[in-house]
N, C-alpha and C. Protein backbone atom coordinates (compact mmCIF):
# COMPACT_ATOMS: atom_id res chain seq x y z
N MET A 1 94.16 -26.70 45.04
CA MET A 1 94.16 -25.27 45.39
C MET A 1 93.30 -25.05 46.62
N ALA A 2 93.90 -24.56 47.68
CA ALA A 2 93.17 -24.38 48.94
C ALA A 2 92.33 -23.12 48.95
N GLY A 3 92.53 -22.23 48.00
CA GLY A 3 91.78 -20.99 47.98
C GLY A 3 92.19 -20.07 49.11
N VAL A 4 91.42 -19.00 49.30
CA VAL A 4 91.63 -18.10 50.43
C VAL A 4 90.89 -18.72 51.60
N SER A 5 91.61 -19.45 52.44
CA SER A 5 91.01 -20.26 53.48
C SER A 5 91.23 -19.64 54.85
N SER A 6 90.44 -20.10 55.83
CA SER A 6 90.61 -19.79 57.25
C SER A 6 90.28 -18.35 57.59
N ARG A 7 89.53 -17.67 56.75
CA ARG A 7 89.24 -16.25 56.97
C ARG A 7 88.05 -16.08 57.91
N VAL A 8 88.19 -15.13 58.84
CA VAL A 8 87.10 -14.74 59.74
C VAL A 8 86.79 -13.26 59.53
N THR A 9 85.59 -12.87 59.87
CA THR A 9 85.14 -11.48 59.69
C THR A 9 84.74 -10.90 61.03
N GLY A 10 85.07 -9.62 61.27
CA GLY A 10 84.68 -8.99 62.52
C GLY A 10 85.04 -7.52 62.54
N PRO A 11 84.75 -6.82 63.64
CA PRO A 11 85.03 -5.39 63.76
C PRO A 11 86.49 -5.15 64.14
N PHE A 12 87.40 -5.51 63.25
CA PHE A 12 88.82 -5.54 63.57
C PHE A 12 89.55 -4.22 63.32
N ALA A 13 88.99 -3.34 62.52
CA ALA A 13 89.69 -2.11 62.15
C ALA A 13 89.24 -0.95 63.04
N ARG A 14 89.89 0.18 62.85
CA ARG A 14 89.62 1.37 63.64
C ARG A 14 88.13 1.72 63.65
N GLY A 15 87.62 2.07 64.85
CA GLY A 15 86.22 2.43 64.96
C GLY A 15 85.26 1.27 64.85
N GLY A 16 85.78 0.05 64.92
CA GLY A 16 84.92 -1.12 64.78
C GLY A 16 84.54 -1.43 63.35
N ALA A 17 85.27 -0.88 62.39
CA ALA A 17 84.98 -1.17 60.98
C ALA A 17 85.16 -2.66 60.70
N ILE A 18 84.26 -3.20 59.90
CA ILE A 18 84.28 -4.63 59.60
C ILE A 18 85.43 -4.95 58.64
N SER A 19 86.22 -5.95 59.02
CA SER A 19 87.34 -6.37 58.19
C SER A 19 87.48 -7.89 58.33
N VAL A 20 88.56 -8.41 57.81
CA VAL A 20 88.79 -9.85 57.85
C VAL A 20 90.11 -10.15 58.55
N GLY A 21 90.27 -11.39 58.94
CA GLY A 21 91.50 -11.81 59.59
C GLY A 21 91.57 -13.32 59.67
N MET A 22 92.46 -13.79 60.50
CA MET A 22 92.65 -15.22 60.68
C MET A 22 92.90 -15.49 62.15
N GLU A 23 92.34 -16.60 62.65
CA GLU A 23 92.55 -16.99 64.04
C GLU A 23 93.17 -18.36 64.18
N LYS A 24 93.02 -19.20 63.16
CA LYS A 24 93.66 -20.52 63.14
C LYS A 24 93.56 -21.08 61.73
N GLY A 25 94.40 -22.07 61.44
CA GLY A 25 94.40 -22.68 60.12
C GLY A 25 93.29 -23.70 59.95
N ASP A 26 93.04 -24.07 58.71
CA ASP A 26 92.00 -25.04 58.36
C ASP A 26 92.66 -26.35 57.97
N GLU A 27 92.34 -27.41 58.68
CA GLU A 27 92.93 -28.73 58.41
C GLU A 27 91.98 -29.64 57.64
N THR A 28 90.87 -29.10 57.15
CA THR A 28 89.92 -29.91 56.40
C THR A 28 90.45 -30.21 55.01
N PRO A 29 90.61 -31.48 54.63
CA PRO A 29 91.12 -31.79 53.29
C PRO A 29 90.22 -31.23 52.20
N ILE A 30 90.80 -30.93 51.05
CA ILE A 30 90.03 -30.40 49.92
C ILE A 30 89.31 -31.56 49.21
N PRO A 31 88.00 -31.45 49.02
CA PRO A 31 87.28 -32.52 48.32
C PRO A 31 87.69 -32.61 46.85
N ASN A 32 87.63 -33.80 46.30
CA ASN A 32 87.75 -33.93 44.86
C ASN A 32 86.61 -33.16 44.20
N GLY A 33 86.89 -32.60 43.03
CA GLY A 33 85.88 -31.83 42.33
C GLY A 33 85.80 -30.39 42.75
N MET A 34 86.80 -29.92 43.51
CA MET A 34 86.81 -28.52 43.94
C MET A 34 88.16 -27.90 43.63
N VAL A 35 88.16 -26.67 43.10
CA VAL A 35 89.37 -25.89 42.89
C VAL A 35 89.07 -24.46 43.32
N TRP A 36 89.96 -23.90 44.17
CA TRP A 36 89.83 -22.50 44.61
C TRP A 36 88.43 -22.22 45.17
N ASN A 37 87.95 -23.10 46.05
CA ASN A 37 86.65 -22.97 46.72
C ASN A 37 85.47 -23.06 45.76
N MET A 38 85.71 -23.48 44.51
CA MET A 38 84.63 -23.61 43.53
C MET A 38 84.46 -25.08 43.16
N ILE A 39 83.24 -25.56 43.22
CA ILE A 39 82.95 -26.95 42.89
C ILE A 39 82.72 -27.06 41.39
N TYR A 40 83.52 -27.89 40.72
CA TYR A 40 83.34 -28.10 39.29
C TYR A 40 82.79 -29.48 38.97
N ASP A 41 82.75 -30.38 39.95
CA ASP A 41 82.21 -31.72 39.74
C ASP A 41 81.44 -32.13 40.99
N GLU A 42 80.12 -31.98 40.95
CA GLU A 42 79.29 -32.29 42.11
C GLU A 42 79.18 -33.78 42.37
N THR A 43 79.59 -34.61 41.42
CA THR A 43 79.50 -36.06 41.60
C THR A 43 80.77 -36.66 42.18
N ALA A 44 81.83 -35.86 42.30
CA ALA A 44 83.11 -36.39 42.79
C ALA A 44 83.01 -36.78 44.26
N THR A 45 83.77 -37.79 44.63
CA THR A 45 83.81 -38.25 46.02
C THR A 45 85.26 -38.31 46.50
N GLY A 46 85.43 -38.37 47.80
CA GLY A 46 86.77 -38.45 48.37
C GLY A 46 87.45 -37.10 48.44
N THR A 47 88.74 -37.11 48.73
CA THR A 47 89.51 -35.87 48.86
C THR A 47 90.73 -35.92 47.94
N MET A 48 91.27 -34.75 47.68
CA MET A 48 92.43 -34.65 46.80
C MET A 48 93.63 -35.37 47.43
N PRO A 49 94.42 -36.08 46.61
CA PRO A 49 95.62 -36.73 47.16
C PRO A 49 96.60 -35.70 47.68
N GLN A 50 97.25 -36.01 48.78
CA GLN A 50 98.19 -35.08 49.37
C GLN A 50 99.55 -35.17 48.69
N ILE A 51 100.20 -34.01 48.54
CA ILE A 51 101.55 -33.95 48.00
C ILE A 51 102.41 -33.16 48.98
N ASP A 52 103.73 -33.18 48.76
CA ASP A 52 104.63 -32.42 49.62
C ASP A 52 105.14 -31.19 48.87
N HIS A 53 105.95 -30.39 49.57
CA HIS A 53 106.45 -29.15 48.96
C HIS A 53 107.36 -29.43 47.77
N ASP A 54 108.14 -30.51 47.80
CA ASP A 54 109.01 -30.83 46.66
C ASP A 54 108.19 -31.05 45.40
N GLU A 55 107.10 -31.78 45.53
CA GLU A 55 106.24 -32.03 44.37
C GLU A 55 105.60 -30.73 43.88
N LEU A 56 105.19 -29.89 44.80
CA LEU A 56 104.61 -28.60 44.41
C LEU A 56 105.60 -27.76 43.62
N TRP A 57 106.85 -27.72 44.06
CA TRP A 57 107.86 -26.94 43.35
C TRP A 57 108.21 -27.55 42.00
N LYS A 58 108.15 -28.86 41.87
CA LYS A 58 108.34 -29.50 40.57
C LYS A 58 107.25 -29.05 39.60
N ARG A 59 106.04 -28.97 40.10
CA ARG A 59 104.91 -28.59 39.24
C ARG A 59 105.00 -27.13 38.82
N VAL A 60 105.34 -26.24 39.76
CA VAL A 60 105.41 -24.82 39.39
C VAL A 60 106.60 -24.56 38.47
N THR A 61 107.68 -25.33 38.63
CA THR A 61 108.82 -25.21 37.72
C THR A 61 108.42 -25.58 36.30
N PHE A 62 107.69 -26.69 36.16
CA PHE A 62 107.20 -27.10 34.85
C PHE A 62 106.29 -26.00 34.26
N PHE A 63 105.38 -25.48 35.09
CA PHE A 63 104.45 -24.45 34.65
C PHE A 63 105.19 -23.22 34.14
N LEU A 64 106.14 -22.72 34.92
CA LEU A 64 106.86 -21.50 34.54
C LEU A 64 107.69 -21.71 33.28
N ASN A 65 108.37 -22.83 33.20
CA ASN A 65 109.22 -23.08 32.03
C ASN A 65 108.40 -23.23 30.75
N GLU A 66 107.17 -23.68 30.88
CA GLU A 66 106.30 -23.79 29.72
C GLU A 66 105.68 -22.44 29.34
N LEU A 67 105.27 -21.67 30.34
CA LEU A 67 104.50 -20.45 30.09
C LEU A 67 105.35 -19.21 29.85
N LEU A 68 106.51 -19.12 30.49
CA LEU A 68 107.29 -17.88 30.40
C LEU A 68 107.75 -17.56 28.98
N PRO A 69 108.20 -18.52 28.17
CA PRO A 69 108.54 -18.16 26.78
C PRO A 69 107.36 -17.57 26.01
N VAL A 70 106.16 -18.09 26.28
CA VAL A 70 104.96 -17.57 25.63
C VAL A 70 104.67 -16.15 26.12
N ALA A 71 104.84 -15.94 27.44
CA ALA A 71 104.62 -14.61 28.01
C ALA A 71 105.60 -13.60 27.42
N GLU A 72 106.86 -14.00 27.30
CA GLU A 72 107.86 -13.10 26.72
C GLU A 72 107.48 -12.72 25.29
N GLU A 73 107.08 -13.71 24.52
CA GLU A 73 106.72 -13.45 23.12
C GLU A 73 105.52 -12.51 23.02
N ALA A 74 104.58 -12.64 23.99
CA ALA A 74 103.38 -11.80 23.98
C ALA A 74 103.61 -10.45 24.64
N GLY A 75 104.76 -10.28 25.30
CA GLY A 75 105.06 -9.01 25.95
C GLY A 75 104.30 -8.79 27.24
N VAL A 76 103.98 -9.88 27.94
CA VAL A 76 103.26 -9.78 29.21
C VAL A 76 104.11 -10.36 30.34
N GLN A 77 103.69 -10.09 31.57
CA GLN A 77 104.40 -10.57 32.74
C GLN A 77 103.52 -11.54 33.52
N LEU A 78 104.14 -12.58 34.08
CA LEU A 78 103.47 -13.46 35.03
C LEU A 78 103.85 -12.97 36.42
N ALA A 79 102.86 -12.58 37.21
CA ALA A 79 103.12 -11.99 38.53
C ALA A 79 102.54 -12.89 39.61
N ALA A 80 103.40 -13.46 40.45
CA ALA A 80 102.99 -14.43 41.46
C ALA A 80 102.61 -13.74 42.77
N HIS A 81 101.42 -14.05 43.26
CA HIS A 81 100.97 -13.55 44.56
C HIS A 81 101.48 -14.50 45.65
N PRO A 82 101.95 -13.96 46.79
CA PRO A 82 102.33 -14.86 47.89
C PRO A 82 101.10 -15.54 48.47
N ASP A 83 101.31 -16.60 49.22
CA ASP A 83 100.18 -17.32 49.79
C ASP A 83 99.43 -16.45 50.80
N ASP A 84 98.10 -16.57 50.76
CA ASP A 84 97.22 -15.81 51.63
C ASP A 84 96.15 -16.76 52.16
N PRO A 85 96.24 -17.16 53.42
CA PRO A 85 97.24 -16.78 54.42
C PRO A 85 98.56 -17.54 54.21
N PRO A 86 99.68 -16.94 54.64
CA PRO A 86 100.99 -17.55 54.39
C PRO A 86 101.40 -18.58 55.44
N LEU A 87 100.78 -19.74 55.35
CA LEU A 87 101.12 -20.88 56.20
C LEU A 87 101.74 -21.98 55.34
N PRO A 88 102.58 -22.84 55.91
CA PRO A 88 103.19 -23.91 55.11
C PRO A 88 102.16 -24.85 54.50
N TYR A 89 101.08 -25.12 55.23
CA TYR A 89 100.01 -25.98 54.73
C TYR A 89 98.67 -25.34 55.07
N ILE A 90 97.72 -25.41 54.14
CA ILE A 90 96.34 -25.04 54.36
C ILE A 90 95.48 -26.16 53.78
N ARG A 91 94.55 -26.65 54.56
CA ARG A 91 93.66 -27.74 54.13
C ARG A 91 94.47 -28.93 53.64
N LYS A 92 95.55 -29.20 54.38
CA LYS A 92 96.46 -30.32 54.10
C LYS A 92 97.11 -30.22 52.72
N THR A 93 97.20 -29.00 52.21
CA THR A 93 97.82 -28.74 50.92
C THR A 93 99.05 -27.86 51.11
N PRO A 94 100.21 -28.23 50.55
CA PRO A 94 101.40 -27.39 50.71
C PRO A 94 101.24 -26.06 49.99
N ARG A 95 101.83 -25.03 50.57
CA ARG A 95 101.78 -23.70 49.99
C ARG A 95 103.13 -23.35 49.39
N LEU A 96 103.13 -22.41 48.46
CA LEU A 96 104.32 -22.14 47.66
C LEU A 96 105.19 -21.03 48.25
N VAL A 97 104.62 -19.85 48.42
CA VAL A 97 105.39 -18.69 48.93
C VAL A 97 104.77 -18.26 50.26
N PHE A 98 105.21 -18.93 51.35
CA PHE A 98 104.69 -18.61 52.68
C PHE A 98 105.75 -17.95 53.56
N GLN A 99 106.97 -17.74 53.03
CA GLN A 99 108.01 -16.95 53.68
C GLN A 99 108.64 -16.06 52.61
N PRO A 100 109.18 -14.90 52.99
CA PRO A 100 109.69 -13.96 51.98
C PRO A 100 110.78 -14.52 51.08
N ASP A 101 111.66 -15.38 51.61
CA ASP A 101 112.76 -15.90 50.80
C ASP A 101 112.28 -16.84 49.70
N LEU A 102 111.07 -17.38 49.85
CA LEU A 102 110.56 -18.28 48.83
C LEU A 102 110.18 -17.53 47.55
N TYR A 103 109.95 -16.24 47.66
CA TYR A 103 109.80 -15.43 46.45
C TYR A 103 111.08 -15.49 45.61
N GLN A 104 112.23 -15.44 46.28
CA GLN A 104 113.50 -15.52 45.54
C GLN A 104 113.65 -16.88 44.88
N LYS A 105 113.25 -17.92 45.59
CA LYS A 105 113.31 -19.26 45.01
C LYS A 105 112.45 -19.33 43.75
N LEU A 106 111.30 -18.69 43.78
CA LEU A 106 110.42 -18.68 42.61
C LEU A 106 111.06 -17.94 41.45
N LEU A 107 111.69 -16.81 41.73
CA LEU A 107 112.36 -16.05 40.68
C LEU A 107 113.53 -16.83 40.10
N ASP A 108 114.24 -17.56 40.94
CA ASP A 108 115.42 -18.30 40.49
C ASP A 108 115.08 -19.53 39.66
N VAL A 109 113.82 -19.94 39.67
CA VAL A 109 113.40 -21.06 38.82
C VAL A 109 113.67 -20.75 37.36
N ASN A 110 113.41 -19.51 36.97
CA ASN A 110 113.59 -19.09 35.58
C ASN A 110 113.86 -17.59 35.57
N ASP A 111 114.98 -17.18 34.99
CA ASP A 111 115.38 -15.77 35.03
C ASP A 111 114.74 -14.93 33.93
N SER A 112 113.64 -15.39 33.39
CA SER A 112 112.93 -14.65 32.35
C SER A 112 112.52 -13.27 32.86
N PRO A 113 112.60 -12.24 32.01
CA PRO A 113 112.11 -10.91 32.40
C PRO A 113 110.60 -10.88 32.64
N SER A 114 109.90 -11.92 32.20
CA SER A 114 108.46 -11.99 32.42
C SER A 114 108.10 -12.69 33.73
N ASN A 115 109.11 -13.21 34.45
CA ASN A 115 108.88 -13.88 35.73
C ASN A 115 108.97 -12.84 36.84
N LYS A 116 107.81 -12.34 37.28
CA LYS A 116 107.79 -11.24 38.25
C LYS A 116 106.83 -11.54 39.40
N LEU A 117 106.65 -10.55 40.27
CA LEU A 117 105.90 -10.75 41.49
C LEU A 117 104.70 -9.81 41.59
N GLU A 118 103.63 -10.35 42.11
CA GLU A 118 102.52 -9.53 42.59
C GLU A 118 102.76 -9.38 44.09
N PHE A 119 103.33 -8.26 44.48
CA PHE A 119 103.90 -8.08 45.81
C PHE A 119 102.83 -7.58 46.77
N CYS A 120 102.28 -8.49 47.59
CA CYS A 120 101.23 -8.14 48.52
C CYS A 120 101.86 -7.80 49.88
N LEU A 121 101.86 -6.53 50.23
CA LEU A 121 102.49 -6.09 51.47
C LEU A 121 101.85 -6.75 52.69
N GLY A 122 100.53 -6.89 52.69
CA GLY A 122 99.86 -7.51 53.82
C GLY A 122 100.29 -8.95 54.01
N SER A 123 100.32 -9.72 52.94
CA SER A 123 100.72 -11.13 53.04
C SER A 123 102.17 -11.26 53.49
N ILE A 124 103.06 -10.41 52.97
CA ILE A 124 104.46 -10.45 53.39
C ILE A 124 104.58 -10.15 54.88
N ALA A 125 103.85 -9.13 55.36
CA ALA A 125 103.92 -8.75 56.77
C ALA A 125 103.35 -9.84 57.67
N GLU A 126 102.42 -10.63 57.17
CA GLU A 126 101.82 -11.71 57.96
C GLU A 126 102.76 -12.89 58.14
N MET A 127 103.81 -12.98 57.35
CA MET A 127 104.71 -14.13 57.40
C MET A 127 105.52 -14.13 58.70
N THR A 128 105.87 -15.32 59.16
CA THR A 128 106.53 -15.46 60.46
C THR A 128 108.02 -15.19 60.40
N GLU A 129 108.59 -15.17 59.22
CA GLU A 129 110.02 -14.91 59.06
C GLU A 129 110.21 -13.65 58.20
N GLY A 130 111.45 -13.15 58.21
CA GLY A 130 111.78 -12.04 57.33
C GLY A 130 111.25 -10.72 57.82
N ASP A 131 111.32 -9.74 56.95
CA ASP A 131 110.98 -8.37 57.27
C ASP A 131 110.42 -7.72 56.01
N VAL A 132 109.26 -7.07 56.13
CA VAL A 132 108.59 -6.53 54.94
C VAL A 132 109.42 -5.44 54.27
N TYR A 133 110.20 -4.68 55.05
CA TYR A 133 111.02 -3.61 54.46
C TYR A 133 112.22 -4.20 53.72
N HIS A 134 112.86 -5.19 54.33
CA HIS A 134 113.98 -5.86 53.65
C HIS A 134 113.50 -6.53 52.37
N SER A 135 112.33 -7.17 52.42
CA SER A 135 111.80 -7.84 51.23
C SER A 135 111.46 -6.84 50.13
N THR A 136 110.90 -5.71 50.51
CA THR A 136 110.60 -4.67 49.52
C THR A 136 111.88 -4.17 48.86
N GLU A 137 112.90 -3.98 49.66
CA GLU A 137 114.21 -3.58 49.14
C GLU A 137 114.78 -4.65 48.21
N GLN A 138 114.76 -5.88 48.66
CA GLN A 138 115.35 -6.99 47.91
C GLN A 138 114.73 -7.15 46.52
N TYR A 139 113.41 -7.14 46.46
CA TYR A 139 112.76 -7.46 45.19
C TYR A 139 112.56 -6.25 44.29
N SER A 140 112.37 -5.07 44.87
CA SER A 140 112.28 -3.87 44.02
C SER A 140 113.64 -3.54 43.42
N LYS A 141 114.72 -3.81 44.16
CA LYS A 141 116.07 -3.55 43.65
C LYS A 141 116.38 -4.42 42.44
N GLN A 142 115.78 -5.60 42.40
CA GLN A 142 115.97 -6.51 41.25
C GLN A 142 115.03 -6.17 40.09
N ASN A 143 114.16 -5.19 40.29
CA ASN A 143 113.13 -4.85 39.29
C ASN A 143 112.25 -6.06 39.00
N LYS A 144 111.88 -6.78 40.06
CA LYS A 144 111.08 -7.98 39.90
C LYS A 144 109.65 -7.83 40.43
N ILE A 145 109.29 -6.64 40.86
CA ILE A 145 107.91 -6.42 41.33
C ILE A 145 107.10 -5.85 40.18
N SER A 146 106.07 -6.57 39.79
CA SER A 146 105.21 -6.10 38.71
C SER A 146 104.20 -5.08 39.25
N TYR A 147 103.51 -5.44 40.33
CA TYR A 147 102.61 -4.49 40.98
C TYR A 147 102.44 -4.87 42.44
N ILE A 148 101.88 -3.94 43.21
CA ILE A 148 101.86 -4.06 44.66
C ILE A 148 100.44 -3.95 45.18
N HIS A 149 100.07 -4.89 46.05
CA HIS A 149 98.84 -4.77 46.83
C HIS A 149 99.17 -3.98 48.08
N PHE A 150 98.61 -2.79 48.17
CA PHE A 150 98.97 -1.81 49.20
C PHE A 150 97.95 -1.91 50.34
N ARG A 151 98.18 -2.84 51.27
CA ARG A 151 97.27 -3.00 52.41
C ARG A 151 98.07 -3.23 53.69
N ASN A 152 97.38 -3.07 54.81
CA ASN A 152 98.06 -3.13 56.10
C ASN A 152 97.37 -4.14 57.01
N VAL A 153 98.14 -4.69 57.95
CA VAL A 153 97.65 -5.73 58.85
C VAL A 153 98.23 -5.51 60.25
N VAL A 154 97.63 -6.20 61.20
CA VAL A 154 98.16 -6.29 62.56
C VAL A 154 98.31 -7.77 62.90
N GLY A 155 99.53 -8.18 63.27
CA GLY A 155 99.76 -9.56 63.64
C GLY A 155 100.35 -10.40 62.52
N LYS A 156 100.59 -11.65 62.84
CA LYS A 156 101.17 -12.61 61.89
C LYS A 156 100.40 -13.92 61.97
N VAL A 157 100.53 -14.75 60.94
CA VAL A 157 99.85 -16.05 60.99
C VAL A 157 100.33 -16.85 62.21
N PRO A 158 99.45 -17.59 62.83
CA PRO A 158 98.06 -17.85 62.41
C PRO A 158 97.03 -16.87 62.98
N LYS A 159 97.47 -15.77 63.60
CA LYS A 159 96.53 -14.80 64.14
C LYS A 159 96.88 -13.40 63.65
N TYR A 160 96.07 -12.88 62.75
CA TYR A 160 96.27 -11.51 62.25
C TYR A 160 94.92 -10.92 61.88
N LYS A 161 94.90 -9.60 61.75
CA LYS A 161 93.71 -8.89 61.33
C LYS A 161 94.10 -7.86 60.27
N GLU A 162 93.25 -7.68 59.27
CA GLU A 162 93.46 -6.65 58.26
C GLU A 162 92.80 -5.36 58.74
N VAL A 163 93.52 -4.24 58.59
CA VAL A 163 93.06 -2.96 59.14
C VAL A 163 93.17 -1.87 58.08
N PHE A 164 92.79 -0.65 58.45
CA PHE A 164 92.94 0.46 57.52
C PHE A 164 94.42 0.66 57.18
N VAL A 165 94.66 1.19 56.02
CA VAL A 165 96.00 1.25 55.47
C VAL A 165 96.96 2.08 56.34
N ASP A 166 96.41 2.97 57.18
CA ASP A 166 97.25 3.84 57.99
C ASP A 166 97.36 3.42 59.45
N GLU A 167 96.86 2.24 59.83
CA GLU A 167 96.84 1.89 61.25
C GLU A 167 97.50 0.55 61.59
N GLY A 168 98.12 -0.11 60.62
CA GLY A 168 98.65 -1.43 60.87
C GLY A 168 100.12 -1.46 61.27
N ASP A 169 100.71 -2.64 61.21
CA ASP A 169 102.10 -2.84 61.59
C ASP A 169 103.08 -2.25 60.58
N ILE A 170 102.65 -2.07 59.33
CA ILE A 170 103.56 -1.62 58.28
C ILE A 170 103.60 -0.09 58.22
N ASP A 171 104.80 0.46 58.18
CA ASP A 171 104.99 1.89 57.93
C ASP A 171 104.94 2.08 56.41
N MET A 172 103.79 2.49 55.90
CA MET A 172 103.60 2.55 54.46
C MET A 172 104.45 3.64 53.81
N VAL A 173 104.71 4.72 54.53
CA VAL A 173 105.58 5.76 53.98
C VAL A 173 107.00 5.22 53.81
N LYS A 174 107.46 4.43 54.76
CA LYS A 174 108.78 3.81 54.64
C LYS A 174 108.85 2.90 53.42
N ILE A 175 107.78 2.17 53.17
CA ILE A 175 107.71 1.32 51.97
C ILE A 175 107.85 2.17 50.72
N LEU A 176 107.14 3.27 50.66
CA LEU A 176 107.18 4.12 49.47
C LEU A 176 108.57 4.72 49.27
N ARG A 177 109.25 5.05 50.34
CA ARG A 177 110.61 5.58 50.21
C ARG A 177 111.56 4.54 49.65
N ILE A 178 111.40 3.29 50.06
CA ILE A 178 112.22 2.21 49.50
C ILE A 178 111.96 2.07 48.01
N LEU A 179 110.68 2.08 47.63
CA LEU A 179 110.32 1.95 46.22
C LEU A 179 110.87 3.10 45.40
N LYS A 180 110.78 4.31 45.95
CA LYS A 180 111.32 5.47 45.24
C LYS A 180 112.82 5.35 45.04
N ASN A 181 113.53 4.95 46.08
CA ASN A 181 114.99 4.81 46.00
C ASN A 181 115.40 3.79 44.95
N ASN A 182 114.57 2.78 44.73
CA ASN A 182 114.89 1.73 43.77
C ASN A 182 114.19 1.94 42.42
N ASN A 183 113.64 3.16 42.23
CA ASN A 183 113.07 3.56 40.94
C ASN A 183 111.94 2.62 40.48
N PHE A 184 111.09 2.23 41.42
CA PHE A 184 109.96 1.37 41.09
C PHE A 184 108.98 2.11 40.18
N LYS A 185 108.60 1.47 39.07
CA LYS A 185 107.72 2.08 38.08
C LYS A 185 106.41 1.31 37.91
N GLY A 186 106.16 0.38 38.82
CA GLY A 186 104.95 -0.42 38.69
C GLY A 186 103.72 0.25 39.26
N VAL A 187 102.71 -0.55 39.55
CA VAL A 187 101.41 -0.06 39.96
C VAL A 187 101.17 -0.38 41.44
N LEU A 188 100.55 0.56 42.15
CA LEU A 188 100.10 0.36 43.52
C LEU A 188 98.58 0.21 43.51
N ILE A 189 98.08 -0.83 44.18
CA ILE A 189 96.65 -1.12 44.16
C ILE A 189 96.14 -1.19 45.60
N PRO A 190 95.08 -0.43 45.96
CA PRO A 190 94.47 -0.62 47.28
C PRO A 190 93.83 -2.00 47.35
N ASP A 191 93.86 -2.62 48.52
CA ASP A 191 93.51 -4.04 48.58
C ASP A 191 92.88 -4.37 49.93
N HIS A 192 91.78 -5.12 49.91
CA HIS A 192 91.16 -5.65 51.13
C HIS A 192 90.87 -4.58 52.17
N THR A 193 90.30 -3.48 51.78
CA THR A 193 90.05 -2.42 52.74
C THR A 193 88.90 -2.76 53.68
N PRO A 194 88.99 -2.35 54.95
CA PRO A 194 87.83 -2.47 55.85
C PRO A 194 86.64 -1.68 55.30
N GLN A 195 85.45 -2.02 55.80
CA GLN A 195 84.23 -1.42 55.29
C GLN A 195 83.72 -0.34 56.24
N MET A 196 83.34 0.79 55.66
CA MET A 196 82.78 1.90 56.42
C MET A 196 81.31 1.63 56.78
N SER A 197 80.81 2.33 57.79
CA SER A 197 79.40 2.23 58.19
C SER A 197 78.60 3.27 57.42
N CYS A 198 78.20 2.91 56.21
CA CYS A 198 77.44 3.82 55.35
C CYS A 198 76.73 3.02 54.29
N ALA A 199 76.11 3.69 53.34
CA ALA A 199 75.33 3.00 52.31
C ALA A 199 76.23 2.26 51.31
N ALA A 200 77.48 2.67 51.22
CA ALA A 200 78.42 2.03 50.28
C ALA A 200 79.70 1.67 51.04
N PRO A 201 79.65 0.68 51.93
CA PRO A 201 80.77 0.41 52.83
C PRO A 201 82.07 0.04 52.13
N TRP A 202 82.00 -0.80 51.10
CA TRP A 202 83.23 -1.21 50.39
C TRP A 202 83.79 -0.04 49.60
N HIS A 203 82.93 0.67 48.88
CA HIS A 203 83.39 1.79 48.05
C HIS A 203 84.01 2.88 48.91
N SER A 204 83.42 3.15 50.07
CA SER A 204 83.96 4.19 50.96
C SER A 204 85.32 3.77 51.52
N GLY A 205 85.44 2.50 51.87
CA GLY A 205 86.74 2.01 52.34
C GLY A 205 87.82 2.15 51.29
N MET A 206 87.47 1.83 50.04
CA MET A 206 88.43 1.96 48.95
C MET A 206 88.76 3.42 48.68
N ALA A 207 87.77 4.28 48.80
CA ALA A 207 88.02 5.72 48.59
C ALA A 207 88.98 6.26 49.64
N PHE A 208 88.82 5.81 50.89
CA PHE A 208 89.75 6.24 51.94
C PHE A 208 91.16 5.76 51.62
N ALA A 209 91.29 4.49 51.21
CA ALA A 209 92.61 3.95 50.88
C ALA A 209 93.25 4.72 49.73
N MET A 210 92.47 5.03 48.70
CA MET A 210 93.00 5.77 47.56
C MET A 210 93.44 7.17 47.95
N GLY A 211 92.64 7.83 48.81
CA GLY A 211 93.01 9.16 49.26
C GLY A 211 94.29 9.15 50.08
N TYR A 212 94.41 8.16 50.95
CA TYR A 212 95.64 8.03 51.75
C TYR A 212 96.84 7.79 50.85
N MET A 213 96.68 6.89 49.89
CA MET A 213 97.79 6.58 48.98
C MET A 213 98.22 7.82 48.20
N LYS A 214 97.26 8.59 47.71
CA LYS A 214 97.58 9.80 46.96
C LYS A 214 98.35 10.79 47.83
N ALA A 215 97.94 10.91 49.09
CA ALA A 215 98.58 11.86 49.99
C ALA A 215 100.02 11.46 50.29
N VAL A 216 100.22 10.19 50.63
CA VAL A 216 101.59 9.78 51.00
C VAL A 216 102.50 9.70 49.78
N LEU A 217 101.92 9.39 48.60
CA LEU A 217 102.73 9.44 47.38
C LEU A 217 103.22 10.85 47.11
N ASN A 218 102.35 11.83 47.27
CA ASN A 218 102.76 13.22 47.09
C ASN A 218 103.84 13.60 48.10
N GLN A 219 103.67 13.15 49.34
CA GLN A 219 104.66 13.45 50.37
C GLN A 219 106.03 12.92 50.00
N VAL A 220 106.09 11.65 49.60
CA VAL A 220 107.37 11.01 49.29
C VAL A 220 107.97 11.58 48.01
N GLU A 221 107.13 11.82 47.02
CA GLU A 221 107.65 12.37 45.76
C GLU A 221 108.26 13.75 45.94
N ASN A 222 107.78 14.51 46.90
CA ASN A 222 108.26 15.87 47.10
C ASN A 222 109.36 15.99 48.14
N GLU A 223 109.81 14.88 48.67
CA GLU A 223 110.89 14.91 49.67
C GLU A 223 112.24 15.18 49.00
């Protein structure tokens, strides 16, 4: 697991607000004894063996086929987040969903009603192929989106910056109209907001995102 890799921090959002982004990929192999940037074995040496995308898809297929029947029985959903950042390889490790069509491949592995998506608008927009509006239409029409990370970005991998929800490349109102047309009933979550210059920078950024979301939801609902 490469974790959330290659992230840089700077005054990337409106008014110089501190946010995160990417400027290049990380080619450093993952050490043995580490998963998701967390060290679980300080005595381990060497690096993780490299695999290809075919092997990765074999593993996720096994995982889904084992877990989805249990999820169905428990009445829960497994929601897959796209790769962040969405590059084919990070730290010499293959990535799973780094283009929008690979979400469909993941869904087609198993047609269980519990096999759904954690649909991150920012990650989808950062991808080098496809279109965030077409992807929103495609997956919401199938009723395969469990919940949505509602954030905005400027640029695509390997160079992008996360910005305030109302200033990026994505027309968020257009996204909401697509979701409304397809009767989306899931959850919208503010995500990765830039930080305000105040005593509570993260909380203020999230409050701005929530206020914007409430306003545009009211706009679209009343159209």
